[in-house]
Amino acid sequence: MIHYVGLDFETSCGDHSAWENNAPIQIGLATLNGVLGIDVHSSLIGGWNWFEYHWQEKAADVHGISAKQVDMQSGELKVKDVDLLVSSWLTDRKRTNRYSTVAVGWGVSWFDRPFVSVYFPKLHELLSYRTLDLSSVCLYLANGSEKKHRSIKDAAKSYAAENMSEVLSDVTWHDAGYDAAAALLAKEYLDELIL
């Protein structure tokens, strides 16, 4: 049985510069929790050297996390600490079979999963190499039509947003925990179109 885990990162530079000294500054994970709904975990990641990694204010404008917030975190949770924290969180939810624990999200295969491979060795051991990229699912359902792709993607995100109040009510898009949970809800919407 496949266990889907919502995965999302917020970063210091944004999506279009994923490997140009871009630091992951927030991770979000979400798992399905039986009939009760969705469990969500989110952590800020500190300890980055801003002479080595880049910081773009346009990325901060999107996710709303300032360099100061990340720097304040550096004394507490550096990437290795967050790796242990999120790995334990996922293990506590019995999502530990690497072959059946598949990350799901928007752009998860090309953007989020590589951060796990590079910075999160413990989490990397728990997640399958396979991913479920919701953008690819939308493109498949749209039969290659960009207009239809956008329509399906917007509908899936709308469905997720409408149902997020039952999961998380105090955050919104571009919070890694919210986006990870919303990915599971968007998958639920897309499942109905496929089935």
N, C-alpha and C. Protein backbone atom coordinates (compact mmCIF):
# COMPACT_ATOMS: atom_id res chain seq x y z
N MET A 1 0.84 -1.18 0.00
CA MET A 1 0.00 0.00 0.00
C MET A 1 0.89 1.25 0.00
N ILE A 2 0.54 2.20 -0.85
CA ILE A 2 1.29 3.45 -0.93
C ILE A 2 0.78 4.41 0.15
N HIS A 3 1.72 5.03 0.87
CA HIS A 3 1.41 6.09 1.83
C HIS A 3 1.92 7.40 1.23
N TYR A 4 1.01 8.31 0.99
CA TYR A 4 1.40 9.61 0.43
C TYR A 4 1.70 10.59 1.55
N VAL A 5 2.80 11.30 1.40
CA VAL A 5 3.23 12.30 2.38
C VAL A 5 3.35 13.63 1.65
N GLY A 6 2.55 14.61 2.06
CA GLY A 6 2.70 15.94 1.49
C GLY A 6 4.05 16.50 1.88
N LEU A 7 4.76 17.09 0.91
CA LEU A 7 6.09 17.64 1.16
C LEU A 7 6.20 19.00 0.50
N ASP A 8 6.71 19.98 1.25
CA ASP A 8 6.93 21.30 0.66
C ASP A 8 8.07 22.00 1.39
N PHE A 9 8.82 22.79 0.65
CA PHE A 9 9.85 23.65 1.21
C PHE A 9 9.58 25.10 0.83
N GLU A 10 9.88 26.00 1.73
CA GLU A 10 10.04 27.41 1.40
C GLU A 10 11.54 27.66 1.46
N THR A 11 12.02 28.52 0.55
CA THR A 11 13.47 28.67 0.39
C THR A 11 13.89 30.13 0.37
N SER A 12 15.18 30.32 0.46
CA SER A 12 15.72 31.68 0.52
C SER A 12 15.70 32.39 -0.82
N CYS A 13 15.55 31.65 -1.91
CA CYS A 13 15.60 32.28 -3.23
C CYS A 13 14.36 32.05 -4.10
N GLY A 14 13.55 31.08 -3.83
CA GLY A 14 12.37 30.84 -4.65
C GLY A 14 12.58 29.72 -5.65
N ASP A 15 11.51 29.39 -6.37
CA ASP A 15 11.49 28.23 -7.25
C ASP A 15 12.45 28.28 -8.42
N HIS A 16 12.66 29.44 -8.98
CA HIS A 16 13.40 29.51 -10.24
C HIS A 16 14.90 29.51 -10.07
N SER A 17 15.37 29.43 -8.86
CA SER A 17 16.82 29.39 -8.63
C SER A 17 17.13 28.29 -7.62
N ALA A 18 16.55 27.12 -7.85
CA ALA A 18 16.61 26.04 -6.88
C ALA A 18 18.02 25.63 -6.50
N TRP A 19 18.96 25.67 -7.41
CA TRP A 19 20.29 25.17 -7.08
C TRP A 19 21.35 26.25 -7.24
N GLU A 20 20.98 27.49 -7.09
CA GLU A 20 21.93 28.59 -7.10
C GLU A 20 22.11 29.10 -5.67
N ASN A 21 22.69 28.25 -4.81
CA ASN A 21 22.91 28.59 -3.40
C ASN A 21 21.62 28.95 -2.68
N ASN A 22 20.57 28.22 -2.97
CA ASN A 22 19.26 28.41 -2.39
C ASN A 22 19.15 27.55 -1.14
N ALA A 23 18.88 28.15 0.00
CA ALA A 23 18.78 27.41 1.26
C ALA A 23 17.32 27.09 1.58
N PRO A 24 17.03 25.84 1.99
CA PRO A 24 15.69 25.52 2.48
C PRO A 24 15.52 26.14 3.87
N ILE A 25 14.51 26.99 4.03
CA ILE A 25 14.35 27.70 5.31
C ILE A 25 13.11 27.24 6.09
N GLN A 26 12.23 26.49 5.43
CA GLN A 26 11.06 25.93 6.13
C GLN A 26 10.67 24.65 5.41
N ILE A 27 10.40 23.60 6.19
CA ILE A 27 9.92 22.34 5.64
C ILE A 27 8.53 22.08 6.18
N GLY A 28 7.68 21.52 5.33
CA GLY A 28 6.36 21.09 5.75
C GLY A 28 6.12 19.66 5.32
N LEU A 29 5.57 18.86 6.22
CA LEU A 29 5.17 17.49 5.92
C LEU A 29 3.73 17.31 6.38
N ALA A 30 3.00 16.48 5.67
CA ALA A 30 1.62 16.18 6.06
C ALA A 30 1.34 14.72 5.73
N THR A 31 0.61 14.06 6.62
CA THR A 31 0.21 12.67 6.40
C THR A 31 -1.29 12.53 6.62
N LEU A 32 -1.86 11.56 5.96
CA LEU A 32 -3.26 11.24 6.20
C LEU A 32 -3.35 10.53 7.54
N ASN A 33 -4.40 10.83 8.29
CA ASN A 33 -4.56 10.29 9.64
C ASN A 33 -5.92 9.63 9.75
N GLY A 34 -6.09 8.52 9.04
CA GLY A 34 -7.35 7.78 9.12
C GLY A 34 -8.55 8.67 8.88
N VAL A 35 -9.59 8.47 9.67
CA VAL A 35 -10.81 9.26 9.50
C VAL A 35 -10.69 10.63 10.14
N LEU A 36 -9.65 10.84 10.93
CA LEU A 36 -9.51 12.11 11.62
C LEU A 36 -9.01 13.23 10.71
N GLY A 37 -8.39 12.88 9.59
CA GLY A 37 -7.96 13.93 8.68
C GLY A 37 -6.48 13.90 8.37
N ILE A 38 -5.83 15.05 8.53
CA ILE A 38 -4.45 15.21 8.12
C ILE A 38 -3.62 15.73 9.30
N ASP A 39 -2.46 15.10 9.52
CA ASP A 39 -1.49 15.58 10.49
C ASP A 39 -0.47 16.44 9.76
N VAL A 40 -0.09 17.55 10.35
CA VAL A 40 0.83 18.49 9.69
C VAL A 40 2.00 18.81 10.62
N HIS A 41 3.20 18.87 10.04
CA HIS A 41 4.37 19.33 10.76
C HIS A 41 5.08 20.38 9.92
N SER A 42 5.52 21.46 10.57
CA SER A 42 6.25 22.52 9.89
C SER A 42 7.36 23.01 10.81
N SER A 43 8.55 23.21 10.24
CA SER A 43 9.69 23.72 11.02
C SER A 43 10.47 24.74 10.22
N LEU A 44 10.87 25.82 10.89
CA LEU A 44 11.85 26.73 10.29
C LEU A 44 13.22 26.07 10.41
N ILE A 45 14.10 26.40 9.47
CA ILE A 45 15.44 25.81 9.44
C ILE A 45 16.45 26.95 9.49
N GLY A 46 17.25 26.99 10.53
CA GLY A 46 18.23 28.06 10.69
C GLY A 46 19.64 27.61 10.44
N GLY A 47 20.58 28.50 10.73
CA GLY A 47 21.99 28.17 10.67
C GLY A 47 22.67 28.39 9.33
N TRP A 48 22.03 29.14 8.44
CA TRP A 48 22.62 29.34 7.11
C TRP A 48 23.60 30.51 7.14
N ASN A 49 24.69 30.37 6.42
CA ASN A 49 25.67 31.42 6.26
C ASN A 49 25.28 32.22 5.01
N TRP A 50 24.83 33.46 5.20
CA TRP A 50 24.31 34.25 4.08
C TRP A 50 25.42 34.77 3.16
N PHE A 51 26.67 34.47 3.47
CA PHE A 51 27.76 34.74 2.52
C PHE A 51 27.89 33.57 1.54
N GLU A 52 27.43 32.41 1.99
CA GLU A 52 27.49 31.20 1.15
C GLU A 52 26.17 30.96 0.40
N TYR A 53 25.07 31.22 1.08
CA TYR A 53 23.75 31.04 0.48
C TYR A 53 23.16 32.40 0.16
N HIS A 54 22.31 32.43 -0.84
CA HIS A 54 21.69 33.69 -1.25
C HIS A 54 20.37 33.92 -0.54
N TRP A 55 20.04 35.18 -0.37
CA TRP A 55 18.73 35.58 0.16
C TRP A 55 18.12 36.56 -0.83
N GLN A 56 16.92 36.27 -1.29
CA GLN A 56 16.22 37.17 -2.20
C GLN A 56 14.96 37.69 -1.53
N GLU A 57 14.85 39.00 -1.46
CA GLU A 57 13.66 39.61 -0.84
C GLU A 57 12.39 39.24 -1.58
N LYS A 58 12.48 39.01 -2.92
CA LYS A 58 11.27 38.63 -3.66
C LYS A 58 10.75 37.27 -3.19
N ALA A 59 11.63 36.38 -2.74
CA ALA A 59 11.18 35.11 -2.17
C ALA A 59 10.50 35.35 -0.83
N ALA A 60 11.10 36.22 -0.02
CA ALA A 60 10.51 36.56 1.28
C ALA A 60 9.14 37.22 1.10
N ASP A 61 8.97 38.00 0.04
CA ASP A 61 7.67 38.62 -0.25
C ASP A 61 6.61 37.56 -0.51
N VAL A 62 7.01 36.41 -1.06
CA VAL A 62 6.06 35.34 -1.36
C VAL A 62 5.73 34.54 -0.10
N HIS A 63 6.74 34.05 0.62
CA HIS A 63 6.45 33.18 1.76
C HIS A 63 6.31 33.91 3.09
N GLY A 64 6.72 35.16 3.16
CA GLY A 64 6.51 35.94 4.37
C GLY A 64 7.46 35.63 5.51
N ILE A 65 8.54 34.93 5.23
CA ILE A 65 9.54 34.62 6.26
C ILE A 65 10.73 35.53 6.02
N SER A 66 11.14 36.23 7.05
CA SER A 66 12.27 37.15 6.90
C SER A 66 13.59 36.45 7.23
N ALA A 67 14.67 37.01 6.72
CA ALA A 67 16.01 36.49 7.05
C ALA A 67 16.23 36.56 8.56
N LYS A 68 15.69 37.58 9.20
CA LYS A 68 15.84 37.73 10.65
C LYS A 68 15.18 36.56 11.38
N GLN A 69 13.98 36.14 10.94
CA GLN A 69 13.32 34.99 11.56
C GLN A 69 14.17 33.73 11.42
N VAL A 70 14.74 33.54 10.24
CA VAL A 70 15.58 32.37 10.01
C VAL A 70 16.84 32.45 10.86
N ASP A 71 17.46 33.64 10.93
CA ASP A 71 18.67 33.81 11.74
C ASP A 71 18.38 33.60 13.22
N MET A 72 17.21 34.00 13.71
CA MET A 72 16.84 33.78 15.10
C MET A 72 16.75 32.28 15.39
N GLN A 73 16.38 31.52 14.37
CA GLN A 73 16.24 30.07 14.51
C GLN A 73 17.59 29.38 14.56
N SER A 74 18.65 30.03 14.08
CA SER A 74 19.94 29.35 13.91
C SER A 74 20.54 28.83 15.21
N GLY A 75 20.23 29.41 16.32
CA GLY A 75 20.73 28.90 17.58
C GLY A 75 19.99 27.67 18.05
N GLU A 76 18.82 27.42 17.49
CA GLU A 76 17.99 26.32 17.95
C GLU A 76 17.95 25.14 16.97
N LEU A 77 17.38 25.33 15.80
CA LEU A 77 17.18 24.22 14.88
C LEU A 77 17.92 24.45 13.56
N LYS A 78 19.07 23.84 13.47
CA LYS A 78 19.81 23.83 12.21
C LYS A 78 19.30 22.65 11.39
N VAL A 79 19.74 22.55 10.15
CA VAL A 79 19.19 21.55 9.24
C VAL A 79 19.32 20.13 9.79
N LYS A 80 20.43 19.78 10.43
CA LYS A 80 20.57 18.41 10.97
C LYS A 80 19.56 18.15 12.08
N ASP A 81 19.27 19.17 12.88
CA ASP A 81 18.27 19.02 13.95
C ASP A 81 16.87 18.84 13.37
N VAL A 82 16.57 19.62 12.34
CA VAL A 82 15.26 19.52 11.70
C VAL A 82 15.12 18.17 11.01
N ASP A 83 16.21 17.68 10.42
CA ASP A 83 16.19 16.35 9.80
C ASP A 83 15.78 15.29 10.83
N LEU A 84 16.38 15.32 12.01
CA LEU A 84 16.02 14.37 13.06
C LEU A 84 14.58 14.56 13.51
N LEU A 85 14.16 15.81 13.65
CA LEU A 85 12.81 16.13 14.10
C LEU A 85 11.75 15.62 13.13
N VAL A 86 11.90 15.94 11.84
CA VAL A 86 10.88 15.53 10.87
C VAL A 86 10.92 14.03 10.63
N SER A 87 12.10 13.42 10.71
CA SER A 87 12.19 11.96 10.55
C SER A 87 11.47 11.25 11.69
N SER A 88 11.67 11.74 12.91
CA SER A 88 10.96 11.17 14.06
C SER A 88 9.46 11.37 13.93
N TRP A 89 9.05 12.56 13.49
CA TRP A 89 7.63 12.86 13.31
C TRP A 89 7.01 11.88 12.32
N LEU A 90 7.70 11.65 11.20
CA LEU A 90 7.18 10.74 10.18
C LEU A 90 7.16 9.30 10.68
N THR A 91 8.20 8.90 11.39
CA THR A 91 8.28 7.55 11.95
C THR A 91 7.15 7.31 12.96
N ASP A 92 6.84 8.32 13.77
CA ASP A 92 5.74 8.21 14.73
C ASP A 92 4.40 7.97 14.04
N ARG A 93 4.29 8.36 12.81
CA ARG A 93 3.06 8.15 12.05
C ARG A 93 3.10 6.88 11.21
N LYS A 94 4.09 6.03 11.51
CA LYS A 94 4.25 4.73 10.87
C LYS A 94 4.42 4.85 9.36
N ARG A 95 5.05 5.92 8.91
CA ARG A 95 5.33 6.09 7.48
C ARG A 95 6.83 5.87 7.29
N THR A 96 7.29 4.63 7.47
CA THR A 96 8.73 4.37 7.47
C THR A 96 9.17 3.40 6.39
N ASN A 97 8.27 2.85 5.61
CA ASN A 97 8.67 1.94 4.54
C ASN A 97 9.03 2.76 3.32
N ARG A 98 10.31 2.83 3.04
CA ARG A 98 10.80 3.69 1.96
C ARG A 98 10.14 3.36 0.62
N TYR A 99 9.82 2.11 0.39
CA TYR A 99 9.28 1.72 -0.91
C TYR A 99 7.83 2.15 -1.09
N SER A 100 7.15 2.42 0.01
CA SER A 100 5.74 2.78 -0.12
C SER A 100 5.41 4.18 0.41
N THR A 101 6.40 4.94 0.83
CA THR A 101 6.16 6.28 1.36
C THR A 101 6.58 7.29 0.28
N VAL A 102 5.59 7.83 -0.40
CA VAL A 102 5.81 8.64 -1.60
C VAL A 102 5.45 10.09 -1.33
N ALA A 103 6.40 10.99 -1.61
CA ALA A 103 6.16 12.43 -1.44
C ALA A 103 5.25 12.94 -2.55
N VAL A 104 4.30 13.79 -2.15
CA VAL A 104 3.36 14.38 -3.10
C VAL A 104 3.37 15.90 -2.93
N GLY A 105 3.27 16.61 -4.04
CA GLY A 105 3.24 18.07 -3.97
C GLY A 105 3.31 18.69 -5.36
N TRP A 106 3.25 19.99 -5.40
CA TRP A 106 3.36 20.75 -6.64
C TRP A 106 4.84 20.98 -6.94
N GLY A 107 5.36 20.38 -8.00
CA GLY A 107 6.78 20.51 -8.32
C GLY A 107 7.67 19.70 -7.39
N VAL A 108 7.11 18.75 -6.69
CA VAL A 108 7.85 18.00 -5.67
C VAL A 108 9.02 17.22 -6.26
N SER A 109 8.90 16.74 -7.48
CA SER A 109 9.96 15.91 -8.06
C SER A 109 11.19 16.72 -8.43
N TRP A 110 10.99 17.92 -8.95
CA TRP A 110 12.14 18.70 -9.41
C TRP A 110 12.60 19.75 -8.41
N PHE A 111 11.75 20.13 -7.47
CA PHE A 111 12.14 21.18 -6.52
C PHE A 111 12.33 20.66 -5.10
N ASP A 112 11.29 20.11 -4.51
CA ASP A 112 11.33 19.76 -3.08
C ASP A 112 12.15 18.51 -2.79
N ARG A 113 11.94 17.44 -3.54
CA ARG A 113 12.63 16.17 -3.25
C ARG A 113 14.15 16.31 -3.29
N PRO A 114 14.74 17.06 -4.25
CA PRO A 114 16.19 17.23 -4.23
C PRO A 114 16.74 17.87 -2.94
N PHE A 115 15.98 18.77 -2.29
CA PHE A 115 16.44 19.33 -1.02
C PHE A 115 16.54 18.23 0.04
N VAL A 116 15.61 17.27 0.00
CA VAL A 116 15.67 16.15 0.93
C VAL A 116 16.95 15.35 0.68
N SER A 117 17.24 15.06 -0.58
CA SER A 117 18.43 14.27 -0.93
C SER A 117 19.71 14.94 -0.47
N VAL A 118 19.78 16.25 -0.58
CA VAL A 118 21.01 16.98 -0.26
C VAL A 118 21.16 17.27 1.23
N TYR A 119 20.09 17.72 1.90
CA TYR A 119 20.20 18.25 3.26
C TYR A 119 19.60 17.39 4.36
N PHE A 120 18.77 16.42 4.03
CA PHE A 120 18.02 15.67 5.04
C PHE A 120 18.26 14.16 4.91
N PRO A 121 19.43 13.66 5.29
CA PRO A 121 19.74 12.24 5.09
C PRO A 121 18.80 11.28 5.81
N LYS A 122 18.37 11.61 7.00
CA LYS A 122 17.45 10.72 7.74
C LYS A 122 16.09 10.65 7.05
N LEU A 123 15.57 11.81 6.67
CA LEU A 123 14.29 11.84 5.94
C LEU A 123 14.43 11.15 4.60
N HIS A 124 15.57 11.34 3.95
CA HIS A 124 15.84 10.71 2.66
C HIS A 124 15.72 9.18 2.77
N GLU A 125 16.17 8.62 3.90
CA GLU A 125 16.08 7.17 4.12
C GLU A 125 14.64 6.69 4.25
N LEU A 126 13.72 7.59 4.60
CA LEU A 126 12.32 7.20 4.83
C LEU A 126 11.44 7.38 3.60
N LEU A 127 11.84 8.24 2.67
CA LEU A 127 11.00 8.54 1.51
C LEU A 127 11.45 7.76 0.28
N SER A 128 10.47 7.32 -0.48
CA SER A 128 10.75 6.65 -1.75
C SER A 128 11.41 7.63 -2.72
N TYR A 129 12.14 7.09 -3.67
CA TYR A 129 12.66 7.93 -4.74
C TYR A 129 11.54 8.38 -5.66
N ARG A 130 10.46 7.63 -5.65
CA ARG A 130 9.28 7.99 -6.46
C ARG A 130 8.58 9.18 -5.81
N THR A 131 8.00 10.02 -6.64
CA THR A 131 7.22 11.16 -6.16
C THR A 131 5.94 11.24 -6.97
N LEU A 132 4.96 11.93 -6.42
CA LEU A 132 3.73 12.21 -7.16
C LEU A 132 3.67 13.72 -7.34
N ASP A 133 4.03 14.17 -8.53
CA ASP A 133 4.05 15.59 -8.85
C ASP A 133 2.68 15.98 -9.38
N LEU A 134 1.97 16.79 -8.61
CA LEU A 134 0.60 17.16 -8.97
C LEU A 134 0.52 17.96 -10.26
N SER A 135 1.55 18.73 -10.56
CA SER A 135 1.57 19.47 -11.83
C SER A 135 1.57 18.51 -13.01
N SER A 136 2.31 17.42 -12.89
CA SER A 136 2.35 16.41 -13.96
C SER A 136 1.01 15.71 -14.09
N VAL A 137 0.36 15.44 -12.96
CA VAL A 137 -0.97 14.82 -13.01
C VAL A 137 -1.95 15.73 -13.75
N CYS A 138 -1.91 17.02 -13.43
CA CYS A 138 -2.80 17.98 -14.11
C CYS A 138 -2.52 18.03 -15.61
N LEU A 139 -1.26 18.01 -15.97
CA LEU A 139 -0.88 18.03 -17.39
C LEU A 139 -1.38 16.77 -18.10
N TYR A 140 -1.26 15.65 -17.43
CA TYR A 140 -1.76 14.39 -17.99
C TYR A 140 -3.27 14.46 -18.20
N LEU A 141 -3.99 14.92 -17.19
CA LEU A 141 -5.45 15.02 -17.29
C LEU A 141 -5.89 16.02 -18.36
N ALA A 142 -5.06 17.03 -18.59
CA ALA A 142 -5.38 18.06 -19.59
C ALA A 142 -5.02 17.61 -21.00
N ASN A 143 -4.46 16.42 -21.12
CA ASN A 143 -4.09 15.89 -22.43
C ASN A 143 -3.19 16.86 -23.20
N GLY A 144 -2.30 17.52 -22.47
CA GLY A 144 -1.33 18.41 -23.11
C GLY A 144 -1.80 19.83 -23.34
N SER A 145 -3.05 20.15 -23.07
CA SER A 145 -3.57 21.50 -23.28
C SER A 145 -3.17 22.39 -22.10
N GLU A 146 -2.41 23.45 -22.38
CA GLU A 146 -1.96 24.34 -21.30
C GLU A 146 -3.15 25.02 -20.62
N LYS A 147 -4.13 25.43 -21.41
CA LYS A 147 -5.32 26.10 -20.84
C LYS A 147 -6.07 25.15 -19.91
N LYS A 148 -6.27 23.93 -20.35
CA LYS A 148 -6.97 22.95 -19.54
C LYS A 148 -6.13 22.57 -18.31
N HIS A 149 -4.81 22.49 -18.50
CA HIS A 149 -3.90 22.22 -17.38
C HIS A 149 -4.08 23.26 -16.27
N ARG A 150 -4.07 24.53 -16.65
CA ARG A 150 -4.24 25.63 -15.68
C ARG A 150 -5.60 25.53 -14.99
N SER A 151 -6.64 25.20 -15.75
CA SER A 151 -7.99 25.09 -15.20
C SER A 151 -8.07 23.96 -14.17
N ILE A 152 -7.51 22.82 -14.50
CA ILE A 152 -7.53 21.68 -13.57
C ILE A 152 -6.71 22.00 -12.32
N LYS A 153 -5.54 22.60 -12.52
CA LYS A 153 -4.69 22.96 -11.38
C LYS A 153 -5.38 23.96 -10.46
N ASP A 154 -6.01 24.98 -11.05
CA ASP A 154 -6.73 25.97 -10.25
C ASP A 154 -7.89 25.34 -9.48
N ALA A 155 -8.60 24.41 -10.12
CA ALA A 155 -9.71 23.73 -9.46
C ALA A 155 -9.21 22.87 -8.30
N ALA A 156 -8.09 22.18 -8.49
CA ALA A 156 -7.53 21.35 -7.42
C ALA A 156 -7.08 22.21 -6.24
N LYS A 157 -6.45 23.34 -6.55
CA LYS A 157 -6.00 24.24 -5.47
C LYS A 157 -7.20 24.88 -4.77
N SER A 158 -8.24 25.21 -5.50
CA SER A 158 -9.46 25.76 -4.88
C SER A 158 -10.10 24.75 -3.95
N TYR A 159 -10.19 23.51 -4.39
CA TYR A 159 -10.73 22.45 -3.56
C TYR A 159 -9.92 22.32 -2.27
N ALA A 160 -8.59 22.33 -2.40
CA ALA A 160 -7.73 22.23 -1.22
C ALA A 160 -7.96 23.40 -0.28
N ALA A 161 -8.01 24.62 -0.82
CA ALA A 161 -8.19 25.81 0.02
C ALA A 161 -9.53 25.77 0.75
N GLU A 162 -10.57 25.33 0.07
CA GLU A 162 -11.90 25.26 0.68
C GLU A 162 -11.93 24.28 1.84
N ASN A 163 -11.12 23.23 1.76
CA ASN A 163 -11.14 22.19 2.79
C ASN A 163 -10.04 22.33 3.83
N MET A 164 -9.17 23.31 3.67
CA MET A 164 -8.05 23.48 4.60
C MET A 164 -8.48 23.97 5.98
N SER A 165 -9.62 24.64 6.08
CA SER A 165 -10.03 25.16 7.38
C SER A 165 -10.21 24.05 8.41
N GLU A 166 -10.47 22.83 7.95
CA GLU A 166 -10.61 21.70 8.86
C GLU A 166 -9.24 21.20 9.32
N VAL A 167 -8.18 21.54 8.57
CA VAL A 167 -6.83 21.06 8.88
C VAL A 167 -6.02 22.14 9.59
N LEU A 168 -5.86 23.28 8.93
CA LEU A 168 -5.11 24.43 9.46
C LEU A 168 -5.91 25.69 9.14
N SER A 169 -6.22 26.46 10.14
CA SER A 169 -7.02 27.65 9.88
C SER A 169 -6.23 28.95 9.98
N ASP A 170 -5.03 28.91 10.56
CA ASP A 170 -4.35 30.17 10.83
C ASP A 170 -3.20 30.49 9.89
N VAL A 171 -3.02 29.71 8.83
CA VAL A 171 -1.97 30.00 7.86
C VAL A 171 -2.55 29.92 6.46
N THR A 172 -1.73 30.21 5.47
CA THR A 172 -2.21 30.21 4.10
C THR A 172 -1.11 29.72 3.16
N TRP A 173 -1.37 29.79 1.86
CA TRP A 173 -0.42 29.34 0.86
C TRP A 173 0.96 29.92 1.11
N HIS A 174 1.96 29.16 0.77
CA HIS A 174 3.38 29.50 0.90
C HIS A 174 3.87 29.42 2.35
N ASP A 175 3.12 28.76 3.20
CA ASP A 175 3.63 28.23 4.45
C ASP A 175 3.84 26.75 4.14
N ALA A 176 5.03 26.22 4.42
CA ALA A 176 5.36 24.86 3.99
C ALA A 176 4.40 23.81 4.56
N GLY A 177 3.98 23.96 5.81
CA GLY A 177 3.04 23.01 6.39
C GLY A 177 1.68 23.06 5.71
N TYR A 178 1.20 24.27 5.46
CA TYR A 178 -0.07 24.45 4.76
C TYR A 178 -0.01 23.85 3.37
N ASP A 179 1.07 24.16 2.65
CA ASP A 179 1.19 23.67 1.27
C ASP A 179 1.29 22.14 1.22
N ALA A 180 1.97 21.54 2.21
CA ALA A 180 2.08 20.08 2.26
C ALA A 180 0.71 19.44 2.48
N ALA A 181 -0.07 20.00 3.40
CA ALA A 181 -1.42 19.48 3.66
C ALA A 181 -2.33 19.73 2.46
N ALA A 182 -2.23 20.91 1.87
CA ALA A 182 -3.05 21.24 0.70
C ALA A 182 -2.74 20.31 -0.47
N ALA A 183 -1.49 19.86 -0.57
CA ALA A 183 -1.13 18.92 -1.64
C ALA A 183 -1.92 17.61 -1.49
N LEU A 184 -2.08 17.13 -0.26
CA LEU A 184 -2.85 15.91 -0.05
C LEU A 184 -4.32 16.11 -0.42
N LEU A 185 -4.85 17.28 -0.11
CA LEU A 185 -6.24 17.57 -0.47
C LEU A 185 -6.40 17.74 -1.99
N ALA A 186 -5.43 18.38 -2.63
CA ALA A 186 -5.48 18.52 -4.09
C ALA A 186 -5.39 17.14 -4.74
N LYS A 187 -4.57 16.26 -4.19
CA LYS A 187 -4.49 14.88 -4.70
C LYS A 187 -5.85 14.20 -4.60
N GLU A 188 -6.53 14.42 -3.48
CA GLU A 188 -7.88 13.85 -3.30
C GLU A 188 -8.81 14.31 -4.41
N TYR A 189 -8.76 15.59 -4.76
CA TYR A 189 -9.58 16.13 -5.84
C TYR A 189 -9.19 15.49 -7.18
N LEU A 190 -7.91 15.40 -7.45
CA LEU A 190 -7.43 14.84 -8.72
C LEU A 190 -7.74 13.36 -8.82
N ASP A 191 -7.71 12.64 -7.69
CA ASP A 191 -8.08 11.22 -7.69
C ASP A 191 -9.48 11.01 -8.26
N GLU A 192 -10.40 11.90 -7.91
CA GLU A 192 -11.77 11.80 -8.40
C GLU A 192 -11.85 11.97 -9.92
N LEU A 193 -10.99 12.81 -10.47
CA LEU A 193 -10.98 13.01 -11.93
C LEU A 193 -10.40 11.80 -12.65
N ILE A 194 -9.45 11.14 -12.01
CA ILE A 194 -8.80 9.98 -12.62
C ILE A 194 -9.70 8.75 -12.53
N LEU A 195 -10.32 8.58 -11.36
CA LEU A 195 -11.15 7.39 -11.14
C LEU A 195 -12.48 7.60 -11.77
